[in-house]
Every structure is written in structure tokens, then in C-alpha cells.
N, C-alpha and C. Protein backbone atom coordinates (compact mmCIF):
# COMPACT_ATOMS: atom_id res chain seq x y z
N MET A 1 11.13 17.23 -11.93
CA MET A 1 10.41 15.52 -11.83
C MET A 1 11.50 14.77 -11.19
N ASN A 2 11.27 14.17 -10.10
CA ASN A 2 12.21 12.80 -9.67
C ASN A 2 11.33 11.94 -10.37
N GLU A 3 12.36 10.79 -9.96
CA GLU A 3 11.85 9.01 -10.56
C GLU A 3 10.48 8.57 -9.80
N GLY A 4 10.27 9.02 -9.29
CA GLY A 4 9.37 8.43 -7.95
C GLY A 4 9.90 7.74 -6.91
N CYS A 5 9.47 6.80 -6.25
CA CYS A 5 9.95 6.09 -5.15
C CYS A 5 9.08 4.73 -4.84
N VAL A 6 9.45 3.95 -4.57
CA VAL A 6 8.97 2.59 -4.00
C VAL A 6 9.48 2.32 -2.56
N TYR A 7 8.42 2.63 -1.54
CA TYR A 7 8.41 2.33 0.08
C TYR A 7 7.93 0.85 0.27
N ARG A 8 8.61 0.07 0.95
CA ARG A 8 8.53 -1.19 1.24
C ARG A 8 8.60 -1.75 2.63
N GLU A 9 7.51 -2.57 3.14
CA GLU A 9 7.60 -2.97 4.56
C GLU A 9 7.06 -3.77 4.39
N ARG A 10 7.18 -4.78 5.75
CA ARG A 10 6.47 -6.19 5.83
C ARG A 10 5.43 -6.02 7.09
N VAL A 11 4.21 -6.67 6.68
CA VAL A 11 3.13 -7.03 7.71
C VAL A 11 3.35 -7.63 8.99
N SER A 12 3.11 -7.03 10.04
CA SER A 12 3.51 -7.58 11.39
C SER A 12 1.96 -8.61 11.56
N ALA A 13 2.56 -9.44 12.57
CA ALA A 13 1.50 -10.13 13.57
C ALA A 13 0.04 -9.65 13.85
N ALA A 14 0.70 -8.31 14.47
CA ALA A 14 -0.33 -7.16 15.04
C ALA A 14 -1.53 -6.79 13.90
N ASP A 15 -1.05 -6.70 12.36
CA ASP A 15 -1.63 -6.27 11.40
C ASP A 15 -2.23 -7.20 10.94
N ALA A 16 -1.77 -8.28 10.85
CA ALA A 16 -2.36 -9.69 9.90
C ALA A 16 -3.98 -9.55 10.29
N GLY A 17 -4.50 -9.59 8.92
CA GLY A 17 -5.67 -9.91 9.12
C GLY A 17 -6.74 -8.69 8.57
N ALA A 18 -5.79 -7.50 8.08
CA ALA A 18 -6.56 -6.27 8.16
C ALA A 18 -6.56 -6.46 6.28
N GLN A 19 -7.69 -5.63 5.60
CA GLN A 19 -7.76 -5.44 4.81
C GLN A 19 -6.84 -4.23 3.59
N ALA A 20 -6.27 -4.85 2.52
CA ALA A 20 -5.02 -3.83 2.25
C ALA A 20 -5.65 -2.26 2.15
N LEU A 21 -6.91 -1.83 1.71
CA LEU A 21 -7.11 -0.44 1.77
C LEU A 21 -7.45 0.02 3.07
N ALA A 22 -7.87 -0.80 4.12
CA ALA A 22 -7.74 -0.23 5.57
C ALA A 22 -6.57 -0.07 6.01
N TYR A 23 -5.74 -0.97 6.04
CA TYR A 23 -4.18 -0.92 6.68
C TYR A 23 -3.58 0.44 5.83
N HIS A 24 -3.73 0.79 4.74
CA HIS A 24 -2.81 1.72 4.23
C HIS A 24 -3.48 2.76 4.61
N ALA A 25 -4.93 3.15 4.75
CA ALA A 25 -5.53 4.16 5.24
C ALA A 25 -5.34 4.45 6.73
N GLU A 26 -5.46 3.42 7.45
CA GLU A 26 -4.85 3.54 9.20
C GLU A 26 -3.67 4.04 9.48
N ARG A 27 -2.83 3.23 8.40
CA ARG A 27 -1.06 3.33 8.81
C ARG A 27 -0.22 4.65 8.32
N PHE A 28 -0.75 5.00 7.29
CA PHE A 28 -0.17 6.26 6.14
C PHE A 28 -1.63 7.11 6.35
N ARG A 29 -1.79 8.04 7.36
CA ARG A 29 -2.63 8.62 7.48
C ARG A 29 -2.59 10.39 6.53
N HIS A 30 -1.44 10.43 6.05
CA HIS A 30 -1.12 11.32 5.02
C HIS A 30 -1.72 11.39 3.99
N SER A 31 -2.53 10.09 3.46
CA SER A 31 -3.22 10.17 2.53
C SER A 31 -4.89 9.76 3.01
N SER A 32 -5.99 10.11 2.15
CA SER A 32 -7.36 9.82 2.77
C SER A 32 -7.27 8.42 2.16
N ILE A 33 -8.40 7.69 2.61
CA ILE A 33 -9.15 6.11 2.17
C ILE A 33 -9.19 6.51 0.54
N GLU A 34 -9.84 7.48 0.39
CA GLU A 34 -9.81 7.63 -0.97
C GLU A 34 -8.80 7.84 -1.96
N ASP A 35 -8.01 8.42 -1.92
CA ASP A 35 -6.48 8.33 -2.26
C ASP A 35 -5.81 7.06 -2.35
N TRP A 36 -5.84 6.37 -0.88
CA TRP A 36 -5.23 4.90 -1.36
C TRP A 36 -6.19 4.11 -1.91
N SER A 37 -7.43 4.05 -2.17
CA SER A 37 -8.16 3.27 -3.07
C SER A 37 -7.91 3.71 -4.41
N ARG A 38 -7.42 5.06 -4.66
CA ARG A 38 -7.35 5.01 -6.24
C ARG A 38 -5.88 4.69 -6.42
N ALA A 39 -4.89 4.56 -5.42
CA ALA A 39 -3.69 4.11 -5.61
C ALA A 39 -3.74 2.55 -5.82
N ILE A 40 -4.48 1.96 -4.78
CA ILE A 40 -4.83 0.34 -5.38
C ILE A 40 -5.26 0.17 -6.48
N GLU A 41 -6.11 0.75 -6.92
CA GLU A 41 -7.13 0.73 -8.59
C GLU A 41 -5.79 1.13 -9.35
N ALA A 42 -5.28 1.89 -9.05
CA ALA A 42 -4.05 2.32 -10.07
C ALA A 42 -3.17 1.06 -10.21
N GLY A 43 -3.01 0.19 -9.36
CA GLY A 43 -2.02 -0.90 -9.50
C GLY A 43 -0.83 -0.14 -8.71
N ARG A 44 -0.71 0.66 -8.02
CA ARG A 44 0.64 1.44 -7.14
C ARG A 44 0.89 0.59 -5.87
N VAL A 45 -0.09 -0.25 -5.63
CA VAL A 45 0.17 -0.89 -4.12
C VAL A 45 0.21 -2.48 -4.60
N ARG A 46 1.20 -2.95 -3.89
CA ARG A 46 1.54 -4.37 -4.20
C ARG A 46 1.49 -5.32 -2.84
N VAL A 47 1.42 -6.64 -3.47
CA VAL A 47 1.63 -7.26 -1.84
C VAL A 47 2.29 -8.82 -2.40
N ASN A 48 3.36 -8.71 -1.91
CA ASN A 48 4.23 -9.93 -2.63
C ASN A 48 4.44 -10.02 -3.71
N ALA A 49 4.93 -8.82 -4.54
CA ALA A 49 5.16 -8.34 -5.89
C ALA A 49 4.12 -8.48 -6.92
N ARG A 50 2.80 -8.42 -6.15
CA ARG A 50 1.42 -8.78 -7.17
C ARG A 50 0.70 -7.58 -6.89
N VAL A 51 0.02 -6.85 -7.89
CA VAL A 51 -1.12 -5.90 -7.56
C VAL A 51 -1.93 -6.20 -6.58
N ALA A 52 -2.17 -5.46 -5.67
CA ALA A 52 -3.25 -5.84 -4.38
C ALA A 52 -4.59 -5.41 -5.21
N ALA A 53 -5.65 -5.89 -4.36
CA ALA A 53 -6.90 -5.40 -4.26
C ALA A 53 -7.35 -4.97 -2.96
N SER A 54 -8.16 -4.15 -3.16
CA SER A 54 -8.65 -3.18 -1.71
C SER A 54 -9.11 -4.15 -0.75
N SER A 55 -9.57 -5.09 -0.56
CA SER A 55 -10.34 -6.13 -0.18
C SER A 55 -9.36 -7.31 0.34
N GLN A 56 -8.10 -7.55 -0.49
CA GLN A 56 -7.17 -8.35 0.15
C GLN A 56 -6.91 -8.34 1.53
N VAL A 57 -6.96 -9.45 2.11
CA VAL A 57 -6.51 -9.73 3.28
C VAL A 57 -4.94 -10.37 3.41
N LEU A 58 -4.17 -9.06 4.50
CA LEU A 58 -2.94 -9.36 4.73
C LEU A 58 -2.53 -10.28 5.55
N ARG A 59 -1.33 -11.18 5.29
CA ARG A 59 -0.91 -12.13 6.30
C ARG A 59 0.29 -11.60 7.17
N THR A 60 0.78 -12.10 8.11
CA THR A 60 1.92 -12.04 8.88
C THR A 60 2.89 -12.14 7.81
N GLY A 61 3.88 -11.08 7.54
CA GLY A 61 4.92 -11.43 6.94
C GLY A 61 5.04 -10.79 5.42
N ASP A 62 4.00 -10.78 4.98
CA ASP A 62 3.41 -10.21 3.63
C ASP A 62 4.42 -8.95 3.11
N ARG A 63 4.92 -9.04 2.29
CA ARG A 63 5.91 -7.82 1.72
C ARG A 63 4.94 -6.84 0.82
N LEU A 64 4.65 -5.87 1.58
CA LEU A 64 3.97 -4.53 0.97
C LEU A 64 4.86 -3.69 0.17
N GLU A 65 4.42 -2.94 -1.18
CA GLU A 65 5.05 -2.22 -1.98
C GLU A 65 4.32 -1.08 -2.10
N PHE A 66 4.58 0.04 -2.27
CA PHE A 66 3.91 1.35 -2.49
C PHE A 66 4.86 2.10 -3.76
N HIS A 67 4.44 1.80 -4.80
CA HIS A 67 4.89 2.62 -5.80
C HIS A 67 4.49 4.19 -6.21
N ARG A 68 5.14 5.22 -5.56
CA ARG A 68 4.57 6.32 -5.51
C ARG A 68 5.11 7.12 -6.81
N PRO A 69 4.57 7.76 -7.58
CA PRO A 69 4.78 8.23 -9.05
C PRO A 69 5.45 9.45 -8.92
N PRO A 70 6.35 9.85 -10.05
CA PRO A 70 7.38 10.84 -9.63
C PRO A 70 6.47 12.23 -9.14
N TRP A 71 7.27 13.27 -8.82
CA TRP A 71 6.81 14.42 -8.10
C TRP A 71 7.79 15.15 -8.32
N VAL A 72 7.10 16.74 -8.37
CA VAL A 72 7.99 17.69 -8.09
C VAL A 72 8.56 18.27 -6.72
N GLU A 73 9.67 17.98 -6.63
CA GLU A 73 10.58 18.60 -5.29
C GLU A 73 10.76 19.73 -5.07
């Protein structure tokens, strides 16, 4: 097992106004909307260093983090 990883990015003006769940499900299609919902509920998605809510509306410049748990490589 590795130590997991934190993926970071910023919300662009074009993506402002999207809800956190919809943003992640649309932008990162490697995981389903159900997977993203579980990740958000588990506290693995953060906005501006705070645990995100699925319905949280994103603003331009928000700092996003996805805390991916450890996995076997």
C-alpha cells in the first residue's frame, strides 16, 4: 500500500456556480457520481481546506482537494 495522494486544483470562472458533487462527477469521469458522493460524505473532498458538502456552490478561485486513500500499486 502506498500513502494515498492529495490532488489539488482551483475552480475556474467557467466552472463557478457548479455544485461540488456535480463538478467532480462531470470533470473526473473515472468515478461515478455515486463514488463522488461517497467521497464527499467521507470528508475526502475539501473546498478551501474545509470538508465539502455535495450541494456546496463553487466560486472562482476556490481551492479544491481530493484526498485519495491509500491503494495497492
